[in-house]
Amino acid sequence: IPVGETVVADRYVYIPLLGICYIMAEGFVWLYARRIKHAYLIRIFL
């Protein structure tokens, strides 16, 4: 339903970004927990 003079606005994603932040955090922790060669160095880098 077209409302107002703008199509997008920063304030519109105040709650929605929570979903993306959750994916990013899960992805980071998954990578950090991987047991692979040079895992210690990779964790420092991450």
All heavy atoms as atom14 arrays in JSON, in Angstrom:
{
  "sequence": "IPVGETVVADRYVYIPLLGICYIMAEGFVWLYARRIKHAYLIRIFL",
  "atom14_mask": [
    [1, 1, 1, 1, 1, 1, 1, 1, 0, 0, 0, 0, 0, 0],
    [1, 1, 1, 1, 1, 1, 1, 0, 0, 0, 0, 0, 0, 0],
    [1, 1, 1, 1, 1, 1, 1, 0, 0, 0, 0, 0, 0, 0],
    [1, 1, 1, 1, 0, 0, 0, 0, 0, 0, 0, 0, 0, 0],
    [1, 1, 1, 1, 1, 1, 1, 1, 1, 0, 0, 0, 0, 0],
    [1, 1, 1, 1, 1, 1, 1, 0, 0, 0, 0, 0, 0, 0],
    [1, 1, 1, 1, 1, 1, 1, 0, 0, 0, 0, 0, 0, 0],
    [1, 1, 1, 1, 1, 1, 1, 0, 0, 0, 0, 0, 0, 0],
    [1, 1, 1, 1, 1, 0, 0, 0, 0, 0, 0, 0, 0, 0],
    [1, 1, 1, 1, 1, 1, 1, 1, 0, 0, 0, 0, 0, 0],
    [1, 1, 1, 1, 1, 1, 1, 1, 1, 1, 1, 0, 0, 0],
    [1, 1, 1, 1, 1, 1, 1, 1, 1, 1, 1, 1, 0, 0],
    [1, 1, 1, 1, 1, 1, 1, 0, 0, 0, 0, 0, 0, 0],
    [1, 1, 1, 1, 1, 1, 1, 1, 1, 1, 1, 1, 0, 0],
    [1, 1, 1, 1, 1, 1, 1, 1, 0, 0, 0, 0, 0, 0],
    [1, 1, 1, 1, 1, 1, 1, 0, 0, 0, 0, 0, 0, 0],
    [1, 1, 1, 1, 1, 1, 1, 1, 0, 0, 0, 0, 0, 0],
    [1, 1, 1, 1, 1, 1, 1, 1, 0, 0, 0, 0, 0, 0],
    [1, 1, 1, 1, 0, 0, 0, 0, 0, 0, 0, 0, 0, 0],
    [1, 1, 1, 1, 1, 1, 1, 1, 0, 0, 0, 0, 0, 0],
    [1, 1, 1, 1, 1, 1, 0, 0, 0, 0, 0, 0, 0, 0],
    [1, 1, 1, 1, 1, 1, 1, 1, 1, 1, 1, 1, 0, 0],
    [1, 1, 1, 1, 1, 1, 1, 1, 0, 0, 0, 0, 0, 0],
    [1, 1, 1, 1, 1, 1, 1, 1, 0, 0, 0, 0, 0, 0],
    [1, 1, 1, 1, 1, 0, 0, 0, 0, 0, 0, 0, 0, 0],
    [1, 1, 1, 1, 1, 1, 1, 1, 1, 0, 0, 0, 0, 0],
    [1, 1, 1, 1, 0, 0, 0, 0, 0, 0, 0, 0, 0, 0],
    [1, 1, 1, 1, 1, 1, 1, 1, 1, 1, 1, 0, 0, 0],
    [1, 1, 1, 1, 1, 1, 1, 0, 0, 0, 0, 0, 0, 0],
    [1, 1, 1, 1, 1, 1, 1, 1, 1, 1, 1, 1, 1, 1],
    [1, 1, 1, 1, 1, 1, 1, 1, 0, 0, 0, 0, 0, 0],
    [1, 1, 1, 1, 1, 1, 1, 1, 1, 1, 1, 1, 0, 0],
    [1, 1, 1, 1, 1, 0, 0, 0, 0, 0, 0, 0, 0, 0],
    [1, 1, 1, 1, 1, 1, 1, 1, 1, 1, 1, 0, 0, 0],
    [1, 1, 1, 1, 1, 1, 1, 1, 1, 1, 1, 0, 0, 0],
    [1, 1, 1, 1, 1, 1, 1, 1, 0, 0, 0, 0, 0, 0],
    [1, 1, 1, 1, 1, 1, 1, 1, 1, 0, 0, 0, 0, 0],
    [1, 1, 1, 1, 1, 1, 1, 1, 1, 1, 0, 0, 0, 0],
    [1, 1, 1, 1, 1, 0, 0, 0, 0, 0, 0, 0, 0, 0],
    [1, 1, 1, 1, 1, 1, 1, 1, 1, 1, 1, 1, 0, 0],
    [1, 1, 1, 1, 1, 1, 1, 1, 0, 0, 0, 0, 0, 0],
    [1, 1, 1, 1, 1, 1, 1, 1, 0, 0, 0, 0, 0, 0],
    [1, 1, 1, 1, 1, 1, 1, 1, 1, 1, 1, 0, 0, 0],
    [1, 1, 1, 1, 1, 1, 1, 1, 0, 0, 0, 0, 0, 0],
    [1, 1, 1, 1, 1, 1, 1, 1, 1, 1, 1, 0, 0, 0],
    [1, 1, 1, 1, 1, 1, 1, 1, 0, 0, 0, 0, 0, 0]
  ],
  "atom14_positions": [
    [[0.89, -1.17, 0.0], [0.0, 0.0, 0.0], [0.91, 1.21, 0.0], [1.6, 1.48, 0.99], [-0.92, 0.02, 1.24], [-1.83, -1.2, 1.24], [-1.75, 1.3, 1.26], [-2.73, -1.28, 2.46], [0.0, 0.0, 0.0], [0.0, 0.0, 0.0], [0.0, 0.0, 0.0], [0.0, 0.0, 0.0], [0.0, 0.0, 0.0], [0.0, 0.0, 0.0]],
    [[1.01, 1.95, -1.14], [1.96, 3.05, -1.24], [1.63, 4.19, -0.29], [0.6, 4.84, -0.41], [1.85, 3.49, -2.71], [0.51, 3.01, -3.16], [0.21, 1.77, -2.37], [0.0, 0.0, 0.0], [0.0, 0.0, 0.0], [0.0, 0.0, 0.0], [0.0, 0.0, 0.0], [0.0, 0.0, 0.0], [0.0, 0.0, 0.0], [0.0, 0.0, 0.0]],
    [[2.52, 4.43, 0.69], [2.29, 5.45, 1.72], [3.47, 6.39, 1.78], [4.63, 5.96, 1.76], [2.09, 4.78, 3.11], [1.91, 5.84, 4.18], [0.88, 3.84, 3.08], [0.0, 0.0, 0.0], [0.0, 0.0, 0.0], [0.0, 0.0, 0.0], [0.0, 0.0, 0.0], [0.0, 0.0, 0.0], [0.0, 0.0, 0.0], [0.0, 0.0, 0.0]],
    [[3.18, 7.69, 1.87], [4.22, 8.69, 2.06], [5.02, 8.98, 0.82], [4.77, 8.46, -0.27], [0.0, 0.0, 0.0], [0.0, 0.0, 0.0], [0.0, 0.0, 0.0], [0.0, 0.0, 0.0], [0.0, 0.0, 0.0], [0.0, 0.0, 0.0], [0.0, 0.0, 0.0], [0.0, 0.0, 0.0], [0.0, 0.0, 0.0], [0.0, 0.0, 0.0]],
    [[6.05, 9.83, 1.03], [6.83, 10.28, -0.11], [8.09, 9.46, -0.34], [8.81, 9.68, -1.3], [7.24, 11.76, 0.1], [8.09, 12.0, 1.34], [8.45, 13.46, 1.51], [8.95, 14.05, 0.54], [8.23, 14.0, 2.6], [0.0, 0.0, 0.0], [0.0, 0.0, 0.0], [0.0, 0.0, 0.0], [0.0, 0.0, 0.0], [0.0, 0.0, 0.0]],
    [[8.37, 8.53, 0.55], [9.6, 7.75, 0.41], [9.28, 6.26, 0.33], [8.31, 5.78, 0.92], [10.54, 8.01, 1.6], [11.76, 7.3, 1.41], [9.91, 7.58, 2.91], [0.0, 0.0, 0.0], [0.0, 0.0, 0.0], [0.0, 0.0, 0.0], [0.0, 0.0, 0.0], [0.0, 0.0, 0.0], [0.0, 0.0, 0.0], [0.0, 0.0, 0.0]],
    [[10.11, 5.54, -0.41], [9.92, 4.1, -0.58], [10.68, 3.35, 0.5], [10.22, 2.32, 1.0], [10.39, 3.66, -1.98], [10.37, 2.14, -2.11], [9.51, 4.3, -3.06], [0.0, 0.0, 0.0], [0.0, 0.0, 0.0], [0.0, 0.0, 0.0], [0.0, 0.0, 0.0], [0.0, 0.0, 0.0], [0.0, 0.0, 0.0], [0.0, 0.0, 0.0]],
    [[11.86, 3.84, 0.87], [12.7, 3.19, 1.88], [13.11, 4.2, 2.93], [13.17, 5.41, 2.68], [13.96, 2.57, 1.23], [13.59, 1.4, 0.32], [14.74, 3.62, 0.45], [0.0, 0.0, 0.0], [0.0, 0.0, 0.0], [0.0, 0.0, 0.0], [0.0, 0.0, 0.0], [0.0, 0.0, 0.0], [0.0, 0.0, 0.0], [0.0, 0.0, 0.0]],
    [[13.41, 3.72, 4.13], [13.87, 4.58, 5.22], [14.6, 3.73, 6.24], [14.23, 2.58, 6.49], [12.69, 5.31, 5.87], [0.0, 0.0, 0.0], [0.0, 0.0, 0.0], [0.0, 0.0, 0.0], [0.0, 0.0, 0.0], [0.0, 0.0, 0.0], [0.0, 0.0, 0.0], [0.0, 0.0, 0.0], [0.0, 0.0, 0.0], [0.0, 0.0, 0.0]],
    [[15.63, 4.29, 6.85], [16.41, 3.55, 7.85], [15.54, 3.03, 8.99], [15.74, 1.92, 9.48], [17.52, 4.44, 8.43], [18.56, 4.84, 7.4], [18.53, 4.29, 6.28], [19.41, 5.69, 7.72], [0.0, 0.0, 0.0], [0.0, 0.0, 0.0], [0.0, 0.0, 0.0], [0.0, 0.0, 0.0], [0.0, 0.0, 0.0], [0.0, 0.0, 0.0]],
    [[14.6, 3.85, 9.42], [13.78, 3.49, 10.59], [12.92, 2.25, 10.34], [12.52, 1.58, 11.28], [12.88, 4.66, 10.98], [11.91, 5.11, 9.89], [11.19, 6.39, 10.28], [10.28, 6.87, 9.25], [10.66, 7.62, 8.22], [11.95, 7.96, 8.08], [9.77, 8.05, 7.33], [0.0, 0.0, 0.0], [0.0, 0.0, 0.0], [0.0, 0.0, 0.0]],
    [[12.65, 1.95, 9.07], [11.79, 0.81, 8.76], [12.43, -0.53, 9.14], [11.73, -1.53, 9.26], [11.45, 0.79, 7.27], [10.55, 1.91, 6.81], [10.39, 2.19, 5.45], [9.83, 2.69, 7.72], [9.56, 3.21, 5.02], [9.0, 3.71, 7.29], [8.87, 3.97, 5.94], [8.04, 4.98, 5.52], [0.0, 0.0, 0.0], [0.0, 0.0, 0.0]],
    [[13.75, -0.56, 9.28], [14.42, -1.84, 9.55], [14.9, -1.94, 11.0], [15.79, -2.74, 11.3], [15.61, -2.08, 8.58], [15.11, -2.42, 7.2], [16.55, -0.9, 8.55], [0.0, 0.0, 0.0], [0.0, 0.0, 0.0], [0.0, 0.0, 0.0], [0.0, 0.0, 0.0], [0.0, 0.0, 0.0], [0.0, 0.0, 0.0], [0.0, 0.0, 0.0]],
    [[14.31, -1.16, 11.88], [14.75, -1.2, 13.28], [14.6, -2.61, 13.86], [15.55, -3.17, 14.4], [13.96, -0.19, 14.11], [14.47, -0.08, 15.54], [15.72, 0.48, 15.81], [13.72, -0.54, 16.61], [16.2, 0.57, 17.1], [14.19, -0.45, 17.92], [15.42, 0.11, 18.16], [15.9, 0.21, 19.45], [0.0, 0.0, 0.0], [0.0, 0.0, 0.0]],
    [[13.44, -3.21, 13.76], [13.27, -4.6, 14.2], [13.74, -5.6, 13.15], [14.41, -6.58, 13.48], [11.8, -4.88, 14.6], [11.56, -4.48, 16.06], [11.45, -6.36, 14.44], [10.23, -4.9, 16.61], [0.0, 0.0, 0.0], [0.0, 0.0, 0.0], [0.0, 0.0, 0.0], [0.0, 0.0, 0.0], [0.0, 0.0, 0.0], [0.0, 0.0, 0.0]],
    [[13.42, -5.42, 11.86], [13.81, -6.44, 10.88], [15.28, -6.82, 10.89], [15.61, -8.0, 10.67], [13.41, -5.79, 9.54], [12.23, -4.94, 9.89], [12.56, -4.37, 11.25], [0.0, 0.0, 0.0], [0.0, 0.0, 0.0], [0.0, 0.0, 0.0], [0.0, 0.0, 0.0], [0.0, 0.0, 0.0], [0.0, 0.0, 0.0], [0.0, 0.0, 0.0]],
    [[16.18, -5.87, 11.17], [17.61, -6.19, 11.14], [18.0, -7.24, 12.18], [19.05, -7.87, 12.06], [18.46, -4.93, 11.36], [18.63, -4.01, 10.16], [19.69, -2.96, 10.46], [19.01, -4.77, 8.9], [0.0, 0.0, 0.0], [0.0, 0.0, 0.0], [0.0, 0.0, 0.0], [0.0, 0.0, 0.0], [0.0, 0.0, 0.0], [0.0, 0.0, 0.0]],
    [[17.16, -7.43, 13.18], [17.42, -8.46, 14.18], [17.6, -9.82, 13.52], [18.48, -10.61, 13.91], [16.27, -8.5, 15.2], [16.22, -9.66, 16.2], [17.52, -9.76, 16.98], [15.03, -9.49, 17.14], [0.0, 0.0, 0.0], [0.0, 0.0, 0.0], [0.0, 0.0, 0.0], [0.0, 0.0, 0.0], [0.0, 0.0, 0.0], [0.0, 0.0, 0.0]],
    [[16.78, -10.1, 12.51], [16.88, -11.39, 11.82], [18.2, -11.57, 11.11], [18.82, -12.65, 11.16], [0.0, 0.0, 0.0], [0.0, 0.0, 0.0], [0.0, 0.0, 0.0], [0.0, 0.0, 0.0], [0.0, 0.0, 0.0], [0.0, 0.0, 0.0], [0.0, 0.0, 0.0], [0.0, 0.0, 0.0], [0.0, 0.0, 0.0], [0.0, 0.0, 0.0]],
    [[18.68, -10.51, 10.45], [19.97, -10.59, 9.74], [21.12, -10.68, 10.74], [22.08, -11.43, 10.53], [20.14, -9.37, 8.82], [18.93, -9.23, 7.88], [21.42, -9.5, 8.0], [18.7, -10.42, 7.0], [0.0, 0.0, 0.0], [0.0, 0.0, 0.0], [0.0, 0.0, 0.0], [0.0, 0.0, 0.0], [0.0, 0.0, 0.0], [0.0, 0.0, 0.0]],
    [[21.04, -9.9, 11.82], [22.09, -9.96, 12.86], [22.19, -11.37, 13.44], [23.29, -11.86, 13.73], [21.79, -8.96, 13.97], [21.93, -7.22, 13.49], [0.0, 0.0, 0.0], [0.0, 0.0, 0.0], [0.0, 0.0, 0.0], [0.0, 0.0, 0.0], [0.0, 0.0, 0.0], [0.0, 0.0, 0.0], [0.0, 0.0, 0.0], [0.0, 0.0, 0.0]],
    [[21.05, -12.03, 13.59], [21.04, -13.39, 14.12], [21.77, -14.34, 13.17], [22.59, -15.18, 13.6], [19.6, -13.86, 14.33], [19.48, -15.33, 14.64], [19.89, -15.84, 15.86], [18.97, -16.22, 13.68], [19.81, -17.2, 16.13], [18.88, -17.58, 13.96], [19.3, -18.06, 15.17], [19.21, -19.4, 15.44], [0.0, 0.0, 0.0], [0.0, 0.0, 0.0]],
    [[21.49, -14.24, 11.88], [22.17, -15.1, 10.9], [23.68, -14.86, 10.92], [24.48, -15.81, 10.89], [21.6, -14.85, 9.48], [20.15, -15.31, 9.4], [22.44, -15.59, 8.43], [19.48, -14.97, 8.08], [0.0, 0.0, 0.0], [0.0, 0.0, 0.0], [0.0, 0.0, 0.0], [0.0, 0.0, 0.0], [0.0, 0.0, 0.0], [0.0, 0.0, 0.0]],
    [[24.08, -13.58, 10.98], [25.51, -13.25, 11.0], [26.19, -13.84, 12.24], [27.3, -14.38, 12.16], [25.69, -11.73, 11.0], [25.23, -11.02, 9.73], [26.16, -11.52, 8.25], [24.97, -12.6, 7.44], [0.0, 0.0, 0.0], [0.0, 0.0, 0.0], [0.0, 0.0, 0.0], [0.0, 0.0, 0.0], [0.0, 0.0, 0.0], [0.0, 0.0, 0.0]],
    [[25.52, -13.74, 13.39], [26.1, -14.26, 14.62], [26.23, -15.78, 14.59], [27.26, -16.35, 14.99], [25.25, -13.82, 15.82], [0.0, 0.0, 0.0], [0.0, 0.0, 0.0], [0.0, 0.0, 0.0], [0.0, 0.0, 0.0], [0.0, 0.0, 0.0], [0.0, 0.0, 0.0], [0.0, 0.0, 0.0], [0.0, 0.0, 0.0], [0.0, 0.0, 0.0]],
    [[25.18, -16.45, 14.11], [25.23, -17.91, 13.99], [26.36, -18.32, 13.04], [27.08, -19.29, 13.31], [23.89, -18.45, 13.49], [22.77, -18.45, 14.52], [22.83, -19.64, 15.47], [23.84, -20.36, 15.45], [21.86, -19.84, 16.22], [0.0, 0.0, 0.0], [0.0, 0.0, 0.0], [0.0, 0.0, 0.0], [0.0, 0.0, 0.0], [0.0, 0.0, 0.0]],
    [[26.49, -17.6, 11.94], [27.54, -17.92, 10.97], [28.93, -17.73, 11.55], [29.83, -18.57, 11.34], [0.0, 0.0, 0.0], [0.0, 0.0, 0.0], [0.0, 0.0, 0.0], [0.0, 0.0, 0.0], [0.0, 0.0, 0.0], [0.0, 0.0, 0.0], [0.0, 0.0, 0.0], [0.0, 0.0, 0.0], [0.0, 0.0, 0.0], [0.0, 0.0, 0.0]],
    [[29.12, -16.65, 12.29], [30.43, -16.4, 12.91], [30.79, -17.5, 13.9], [31.9, -18.04, 13.89], [30.42, -15.04, 13.61], [31.68, -14.76, 14.38], [32.79, -14.22, 13.74], [31.77, -15.06, 15.73], [33.97, -13.99, 14.45], [32.94, -14.83, 16.45], [34.04, -14.29, 15.8], [0.0, 0.0, 0.0], [0.0, 0.0, 0.0], [0.0, 0.0, 0.0]],
    [[29.85, -17.83, 14.79], [30.11, -18.85, 15.81], [30.35, -20.22, 15.17], [31.19, -20.99, 15.63], [28.94, -18.9, 16.83], [29.1, -20.08, 17.77], [28.89, -17.59, 17.63], [0.0, 0.0, 0.0], [0.0, 0.0, 0.0], [0.0, 0.0, 0.0], [0.0, 0.0, 0.0], [0.0, 0.0, 0.0], [0.0, 0.0, 0.0], [0.0, 0.0, 0.0]],
    [[29.63, -20.52, 14.1], [29.83, -21.78, 13.38], [31.25, -21.86, 12.81], [31.93, -22.88, 12.95], [28.8, -21.92, 12.27], [28.92, -23.19, 11.48], [28.46, -24.42, 11.83], [29.57, -23.34, 10.2], [28.77, -25.35, 10.85], [29.45, -24.72, 9.85], [30.22, -22.48, 9.34], [29.97, -25.22, 8.65], [30.74, -22.97, 8.14], [30.61, -24.33, 7.81]],
    [[31.69, -20.77, 12.19], [33.05, -20.74, 11.64], [34.09, -20.84, 12.75], [35.09, -21.55, 12.62], [33.27, -19.45, 10.84], [32.58, -19.35, 9.48], [32.76, -17.95, 8.9], [33.14, -20.39, 8.51], [0.0, 0.0, 0.0], [0.0, 0.0, 0.0], [0.0, 0.0, 0.0], [0.0, 0.0, 0.0], [0.0, 0.0, 0.0], [0.0, 0.0, 0.0]],
    [[33.85, -20.14, 13.84], [34.8, -20.1, 14.95], [34.97, -21.49, 15.58], [36.06, -21.85, 16.04], [34.32, -19.11, 16.01], [35.31, -18.86, 17.12], [36.32, -17.92, 16.98], [35.24, -19.57, 18.32], [37.24, -17.69, 17.99], [36.15, -19.36, 19.34], [37.15, -18.42, 19.17], [38.05, -18.19, 20.18], [0.0, 0.0, 0.0], [0.0, 0.0, 0.0]],
    [[33.9, -22.26, 15.58], [33.94, -23.56, 16.25], [34.47, -24.69, 15.36], [34.64, -25.81, 15.84], [32.53, -23.93, 16.74], [0.0, 0.0, 0.0], [0.0, 0.0, 0.0], [0.0, 0.0, 0.0], [0.0, 0.0, 0.0], [0.0, 0.0, 0.0], [0.0, 0.0, 0.0], [0.0, 0.0, 0.0], [0.0, 0.0, 0.0], [0.0, 0.0, 0.0]],
    [[34.74, -24.39, 14.09], [35.21, -25.44, 13.18], [36.57, -25.97, 13.61], [37.48, -25.21, 13.94], [35.31, -24.91, 11.74], [34.02, -24.36, 11.17], [32.96, -25.42, 11.02], [33.28, -26.36, 9.95], [32.61, -27.47, 9.71], [31.6, -27.81, 10.49], [32.94, -28.24, 8.72], [0.0, 0.0, 0.0], [0.0, 0.0, 0.0], [0.0, 0.0, 0.0]],
    [[36.7, -27.29, 13.63], [37.97, -27.91, 13.98], [38.69, -28.32, 12.7], [38.47, -29.41, 12.16], [37.73, -29.13, 14.88], [37.15, -28.75, 16.24], [37.0, -29.98, 17.11], [36.48, -29.63, 18.42], [36.26, -30.51, 19.41], [36.51, -31.8, 19.19], [35.79, -30.1, 20.56], [0.0, 0.0, 0.0], [0.0, 0.0, 0.0], [0.0, 0.0, 0.0]],
    [[39.49, -27.41, 12.22], [40.21, -27.63, 10.97], [41.68, -27.27, 11.17], [42.08, -26.79, 12.23], [39.61, -26.78, 9.82], [39.56, -25.31, 10.23], [38.22, -27.27, 9.45], [39.03, -24.39, 9.16], [0.0, 0.0, 0.0], [0.0, 0.0, 0.0], [0.0, 0.0, 0.0], [0.0, 0.0, 0.0], [0.0, 0.0, 0.0], [0.0, 0.0, 0.0]],
    [[42.47, -27.47, 10.16], [43.89, -27.16, 10.23], [44.09, -25.67, 10.46], [43.41, -24.83, 9.88], [44.56, -27.6, 8.92], [46.07, -27.5, 8.95], [46.66, -28.02, 7.65], [48.19, -27.95, 7.68], [48.78, -28.44, 6.42], [0.0, 0.0, 0.0], [0.0, 0.0, 0.0], [0.0, 0.0, 0.0], [0.0, 0.0, 0.0], [0.0, 0.0, 0.0]],
    [[45.01, -25.34, 11.35], [45.33, -23.96, 11.71], [44.11, -23.26, 12.35], [43.91, -22.05, 12.17], [45.8, -23.15, 10.5], [46.97, -23.75, 9.79], [48.18, -24.02, 10.42], [47.11, -24.17, 8.49], [49.02, -24.56, 9.55], [48.4, -24.67, 8.38], [0.0, 0.0, 0.0], [0.0, 0.0, 0.0], [0.0, 0.0, 0.0], [0.0, 0.0, 0.0]],
    [[43.31, -24.04, 13.07], [42.09, -23.47, 13.67], [42.41, -22.32, 14.61], [41.66, -21.33, 14.66], [41.33, -24.57, 14.42], [0.0, 0.0, 0.0], [0.0, 0.0, 0.0], [0.0, 0.0, 0.0], [0.0, 0.0, 0.0], [0.0, 0.0, 0.0], [0.0, 0.0, 0.0], [0.0, 0.0, 0.0], [0.0, 0.0, 0.0], [0.0, 0.0, 0.0]],
    [[43.52, -22.42, 15.35], [43.88, -21.36, 16.31], [44.1, -20.03, 15.6], [43.58, -18.99, 16.02], [45.14, -21.77, 17.07], [45.62, -20.72, 18.05], [44.94, -20.48, 19.23], [46.77, -19.97, 17.77], [45.38, -19.51, 20.13], [47.22, -19.01, 18.65], [46.51, -18.78, 19.83], [46.96, -17.82, 20.71], [0.0, 0.0, 0.0], [0.0, 0.0, 0.0]],
    [[44.84, -20.06, 14.5], [45.12, -18.84, 13.75], [43.83, -18.29, 13.11], [43.62, -17.06, 13.08], [46.16, -19.12, 12.66], [47.57, -19.45, 13.15], [48.47, -19.79, 11.98], [48.15, -18.28, 13.95], [0.0, 0.0, 0.0], [0.0, 0.0, 0.0], [0.0, 0.0, 0.0], [0.0, 0.0, 0.0], [0.0, 0.0, 0.0], [0.0, 0.0, 0.0]],
    [[42.99, -19.19, 12.63], [41.74, -18.77, 12.02], [40.84, -18.09, 13.06], [40.2, -17.08, 12.77], [41.02, -19.98, 11.38], [41.81, -20.47, 10.16], [39.58, -19.6, 10.96], [41.29, -21.74, 9.55], [0.0, 0.0, 0.0], [0.0, 0.0, 0.0], [0.0, 0.0, 0.0], [0.0, 0.0, 0.0], [0.0, 0.0, 0.0], [0.0, 0.0, 0.0]],
    [[40.84, -18.64, 14.27], [40.02, -18.03, 15.32], [40.53, -16.64, 15.7], [39.74, -15.73, 15.95], [40.0, -18.95, 16.54], [39.17, -20.2, 16.34], [39.27, -21.15, 17.5], [38.47, -22.34, 17.25], [38.42, -23.38, 18.07], [39.14, -23.39, 19.2], [37.66, -24.43, 17.77], [0.0, 0.0, 0.0], [0.0, 0.0, 0.0], [0.0, 0.0, 0.0]],
    [[41.84, -16.49, 15.75], [42.41, -15.16, 16.03], [41.99, -14.18, 14.93], [41.61, -13.04, 15.21], [43.95, -15.24, 16.13], [44.35, -16.02, 17.39], [44.55, -13.82, 16.16], [45.85, -16.21, 17.53], [0.0, 0.0, 0.0], [0.0, 0.0, 0.0], [0.0, 0.0, 0.0], [0.0, 0.0, 0.0], [0.0, 0.0, 0.0], [0.0, 0.0, 0.0]],
    [[42.07, -14.65, 13.68], [41.67, -13.8, 12.56], [40.2, -13.43, 12.65], [39.83, -12.26, 12.44], [41.95, -14.54, 11.24], [41.4, -13.83, 10.03], [42.02, -12.72, 9.51], [40.22, -14.29, 9.44], [41.5, -12.06, 8.39], [39.69, -13.65, 8.34], [40.33, -12.52, 7.82], [0.0, 0.0, 0.0], [0.0, 0.0, 0.0], [0.0, 0.0, 0.0]],
    [[39.34, -14.41, 12.97], [37.91, -14.14, 13.06], [37.6, -13.14, 14.18], [36.81, -12.2, 13.99], [37.14, -15.44, 13.3], [37.04, -16.4, 12.11], [36.43, -17.72, 12.55], [36.19, -15.78, 10.99], [0.0, 0.0, 0.0], [0.0, 0.0, 0.0], [0.0, 0.0, 0.0], [0.0, 0.0, 0.0], [0.0, 0.0, 0.0], [0.0, 0.0, 0.0]]
  ]
}
